[in-house]
Amino acid sequence: MMIKLKVFAAAKEIVAGEHVELELPTGSTIGDLKQALAMQVPDLANLIERSAFSIDQQYATAKDPVNAVNEVAMIPPVSGG
């Protein structure tokens, strides 16, 4: 299945766009997506571990399943003052 992952902030700059498309097997989880993303875009590997992920605008854990109809996003850490 094809997953269209939304990215923001530093991740958006690294991939030079607003989305990354990943091909994942049916039944994949956020954990599987994170591994595939690190392999496809190695420059994101460090950021992936510090980022939150969401499915349909709800925070997700590594065990949560994803499918092609979900809105999936990577939310990098935010700093500010």
N, C-alpha and C. Protein backbone atom coordinates (compact mmCIF):
# COMPACT_ATOMS: atom_id res chain seq x y z
N MET A 1 0.85 -1.18 0.00
CA MET A 1 0.00 0.00 0.00
C MET A 1 0.89 1.24 0.00
N MET A 2 0.38 2.30 -0.57
CA MET A 2 1.13 3.55 -0.64
C MET A 2 0.64 4.49 0.46
N ILE A 3 1.56 4.95 1.28
CA ILE A 3 1.26 5.90 2.36
C ILE A 3 1.84 7.25 1.98
N LYS A 4 1.05 8.28 2.10
CA LYS A 4 1.50 9.66 1.85
C LYS A 4 1.67 10.31 3.22
N LEU A 5 2.93 10.45 3.65
CA LEU A 5 3.26 10.98 4.97
C LEU A 5 3.46 12.49 4.89
N LYS A 6 2.67 13.23 5.66
CA LYS A 6 2.85 14.68 5.75
C LYS A 6 4.05 14.97 6.65
N VAL A 7 4.85 15.96 6.27
CA VAL A 7 6.00 16.36 7.09
C VAL A 7 5.96 17.86 7.31
N PHE A 8 6.59 18.29 8.39
CA PHE A 8 6.57 19.70 8.78
C PHE A 8 7.97 20.15 9.20
N ALA A 9 8.16 21.45 9.28
CA ALA A 9 9.35 22.10 9.83
C ALA A 9 10.63 21.55 9.22
N ALA A 10 11.57 21.08 10.05
CA ALA A 10 12.87 20.61 9.57
C ALA A 10 12.73 19.44 8.61
N ALA A 11 11.78 18.56 8.86
CA ALA A 11 11.57 17.41 7.97
C ALA A 11 11.15 17.89 6.58
N LYS A 12 10.33 18.90 6.54
CA LYS A 12 9.88 19.47 5.26
C LYS A 12 11.06 20.02 4.48
N GLU A 13 11.99 20.63 5.17
CA GLU A 13 13.18 21.16 4.52
C GLU A 13 14.07 20.03 4.00
N ILE A 14 14.22 18.98 4.78
CA ILE A 14 15.08 17.85 4.39
C ILE A 14 14.54 17.17 3.13
N VAL A 15 13.24 16.95 3.07
CA VAL A 15 12.67 16.25 1.91
C VAL A 15 12.30 17.20 0.77
N ALA A 16 12.46 18.50 1.01
CA ALA A 16 12.15 19.52 0.00
C ALA A 16 10.72 19.38 -0.52
N GLY A 17 9.80 19.21 0.42
CA GLY A 17 8.40 19.10 0.06
C GLY A 17 7.53 18.89 1.28
N GLU A 18 6.24 18.75 1.06
CA GLU A 18 5.29 18.60 2.16
C GLU A 18 4.91 17.16 2.44
N HIS A 19 5.32 16.23 1.56
CA HIS A 19 4.95 14.83 1.72
C HIS A 19 6.12 13.92 1.34
N VAL A 20 6.08 12.72 1.89
CA VAL A 20 6.95 11.63 1.46
C VAL A 20 6.04 10.45 1.19
N GLU A 21 6.20 9.82 0.05
CA GLU A 21 5.40 8.65 -0.26
C GLU A 21 6.20 7.40 0.05
N LEU A 22 5.58 6.48 0.79
CA LEU A 22 6.23 5.24 1.20
C LEU A 22 5.38 4.05 0.79
N GLU A 23 6.02 3.04 0.25
CA GLU A 23 5.34 1.79 -0.07
C GLU A 23 5.53 0.85 1.12
N LEU A 24 4.42 0.45 1.74
CA LEU A 24 4.47 -0.43 2.90
C LEU A 24 3.55 -1.63 2.67
N PRO A 25 3.89 -2.77 3.27
CA PRO A 25 2.99 -3.92 3.18
C PRO A 25 1.69 -3.67 3.94
N THR A 26 0.62 -4.28 3.49
CA THR A 26 -0.65 -4.20 4.21
C THR A 26 -0.43 -4.72 5.64
N GLY A 27 -1.04 -4.05 6.60
CA GLY A 27 -0.90 -4.43 8.00
C GLY A 27 0.27 -3.77 8.71
N SER A 28 0.92 -2.82 8.05
CA SER A 28 2.06 -2.13 8.65
C SER A 28 1.62 -1.21 9.79
N THR A 29 2.56 -0.91 10.65
CA THR A 29 2.33 -0.04 11.80
C THR A 29 3.16 1.25 11.66
N ILE A 30 2.95 2.16 12.57
CA ILE A 30 3.77 3.37 12.62
C ILE A 30 5.24 2.98 12.79
N GLY A 31 5.52 1.98 13.59
CA GLY A 31 6.91 1.50 13.75
C GLY A 31 7.51 1.06 12.43
N ASP A 32 6.73 0.34 11.64
CA ASP A 32 7.20 -0.09 10.31
C ASP A 32 7.42 1.12 9.41
N LEU A 33 6.51 2.08 9.48
CA LEU A 33 6.63 3.30 8.69
C LEU A 33 7.91 4.04 9.05
N LYS A 34 8.21 4.15 10.33
CA LYS A 34 9.41 4.85 10.77
C LYS A 34 10.68 4.18 10.23
N GLN A 35 10.70 2.85 10.25
CA GLN A 35 11.86 2.13 9.72
C GLN A 35 12.00 2.36 8.22
N ALA A 36 10.90 2.27 7.50
CA ALA A 36 10.92 2.48 6.05
C ALA A 36 11.34 3.91 5.71
N LEU A 37 10.87 4.86 6.48
CA LEU A 37 11.21 6.26 6.25
C LEU A 37 12.70 6.49 6.47
N ALA A 38 13.27 5.92 7.52
CA ALA A 38 14.70 6.08 7.79
C ALA A 38 15.54 5.47 6.67
N MET A 39 15.07 4.38 6.10
CA MET A 39 15.80 3.76 4.99
C MET A 39 15.67 4.57 3.71
N GLN A 40 14.48 5.11 3.46
CA GLN A 40 14.23 5.87 2.22
C GLN A 40 14.87 7.25 2.26
N VAL A 41 14.86 7.88 3.44
CA VAL A 41 15.42 9.23 3.59
C VAL A 41 16.37 9.22 4.80
N PRO A 42 17.60 8.71 4.61
CA PRO A 42 18.53 8.58 5.74
C PRO A 42 18.79 9.89 6.49
N ASP A 43 18.69 11.02 5.82
CA ASP A 43 18.91 12.31 6.49
C ASP A 43 17.85 12.60 7.56
N LEU A 44 16.74 11.88 7.53
CA LEU A 44 15.69 12.06 8.54
C LEU A 44 15.86 11.16 9.76
N ALA A 45 16.78 10.20 9.70
CA ALA A 45 16.87 9.16 10.74
C ALA A 45 16.92 9.73 12.16
N ASN A 46 17.76 10.72 12.40
CA ASN A 46 17.87 11.29 13.74
C ASN A 46 16.58 12.01 14.15
N LEU A 47 15.98 12.70 13.23
CA LEU A 47 14.76 13.46 13.51
C LEU A 47 13.56 12.54 13.75
N ILE A 48 13.52 11.40 13.07
CA ILE A 48 12.42 10.46 13.23
C ILE A 48 12.29 10.02 14.68
N GLU A 49 13.40 9.73 15.31
CA GLU A 49 13.37 9.24 16.70
C GLU A 49 12.88 10.29 17.69
N ARG A 50 13.00 11.55 17.35
CA ARG A 50 12.57 12.62 18.26
C ARG A 50 11.20 13.18 17.91
N SER A 51 10.61 12.67 16.85
CA SER A 51 9.34 13.21 16.36
C SER A 51 8.14 12.39 16.84
N ALA A 52 7.00 13.07 16.88
CA ALA A 52 5.73 12.39 17.14
C ALA A 52 5.12 12.05 15.78
N PHE A 53 4.26 11.05 15.77
CA PHE A 53 3.54 10.68 14.55
C PHE A 53 2.06 10.67 14.86
N SER A 54 1.27 10.98 13.85
CA SER A 54 -0.18 10.99 14.05
C SER A 54 -0.87 10.25 12.92
N ILE A 55 -2.04 9.72 13.26
CA ILE A 55 -2.93 9.08 12.29
C ILE A 55 -4.27 9.79 12.42
N ASP A 56 -4.73 10.36 11.32
CA ASP A 56 -6.00 11.09 11.30
C ASP A 56 -6.09 12.12 12.43
N GLN A 57 -5.00 12.86 12.60
CA GLN A 57 -4.89 13.97 13.55
C GLN A 57 -4.97 13.54 15.01
N GLN A 58 -4.62 12.28 15.30
CA GLN A 58 -4.53 11.78 16.67
C GLN A 58 -3.12 11.20 16.85
N TYR A 59 -2.46 11.55 17.96
CA TYR A 59 -1.13 11.00 18.19
C TYR A 59 -1.17 9.48 18.15
N ALA A 60 -0.12 8.90 17.57
CA ALA A 60 -0.06 7.46 17.38
C ALA A 60 1.18 6.87 18.05
N THR A 61 1.10 5.60 18.41
CA THR A 61 2.25 4.87 18.95
C THR A 61 2.84 3.98 17.85
N ALA A 62 3.99 3.42 18.12
CA ALA A 62 4.66 2.56 17.14
C ALA A 62 3.83 1.35 16.76
N LYS A 63 2.93 0.91 17.64
CA LYS A 63 2.13 -0.28 17.38
C LYS A 63 0.83 -0.01 16.62
N ASP A 64 0.50 1.26 16.43
CA ASP A 64 -0.76 1.60 15.75
C ASP A 64 -0.67 1.27 14.26
N PRO A 65 -1.69 0.60 13.72
CA PRO A 65 -1.69 0.26 12.29
C PRO A 65 -2.00 1.47 11.41
N VAL A 66 -1.44 1.45 10.22
CA VAL A 66 -1.72 2.49 9.23
C VAL A 66 -2.28 1.85 7.97
N ASN A 67 -3.06 2.62 7.23
CA ASN A 67 -3.51 2.16 5.93
C ASN A 67 -3.55 3.34 4.97
N ALA A 68 -3.76 3.04 3.72
CA ALA A 68 -3.65 4.06 2.66
C ALA A 68 -4.68 5.18 2.78
N VAL A 69 -5.78 4.96 3.47
CA VAL A 69 -6.79 6.01 3.57
C VAL A 69 -6.55 6.94 4.76
N ASN A 70 -5.62 6.59 5.64
CA ASN A 70 -5.33 7.44 6.80
C ASN A 70 -4.53 8.66 6.40
N GLU A 71 -4.74 9.76 7.15
CA GLU A 71 -3.85 10.90 7.06
C GLU A 71 -2.76 10.66 8.10
N VAL A 72 -1.54 10.46 7.64
CA VAL A 72 -0.42 10.15 8.53
C VAL A 72 0.56 11.31 8.48
N ALA A 73 1.04 11.73 9.66
CA ALA A 73 1.95 12.88 9.70
C ALA A 73 3.10 12.64 10.68
N MET A 74 4.22 13.24 10.36
CA MET A 74 5.40 13.26 11.23
C MET A 74 5.50 14.67 11.79
N ILE A 75 5.55 14.78 13.12
CA ILE A 75 5.54 16.08 13.78
C ILE A 75 6.85 16.24 14.55
N PRO A 76 7.80 16.98 13.97
CA PRO A 76 9.10 17.18 14.63
C PRO A 76 8.94 17.97 15.93
N PRO A 77 9.94 17.86 16.81
CA PRO A 77 9.89 18.64 18.05
C PRO A 77 9.91 20.14 17.73
N VAL A 78 9.26 20.89 18.58
CA VAL A 78 9.17 22.33 18.41
C VAL A 78 9.89 22.99 19.58
N SER A 79 10.67 24.01 19.28
CA SER A 79 11.30 24.76 20.36
C SER A 79 10.88 26.21 20.22
N GLY A 80 10.96 26.90 21.30
CA GLY A 80 10.56 28.30 21.26
C GLY A 80 10.70 28.93 22.64
N GLY A 81 10.34 30.15 22.71
CA GLY A 81 10.50 30.81 23.99
C GLY A 81 9.42 31.79 24.24
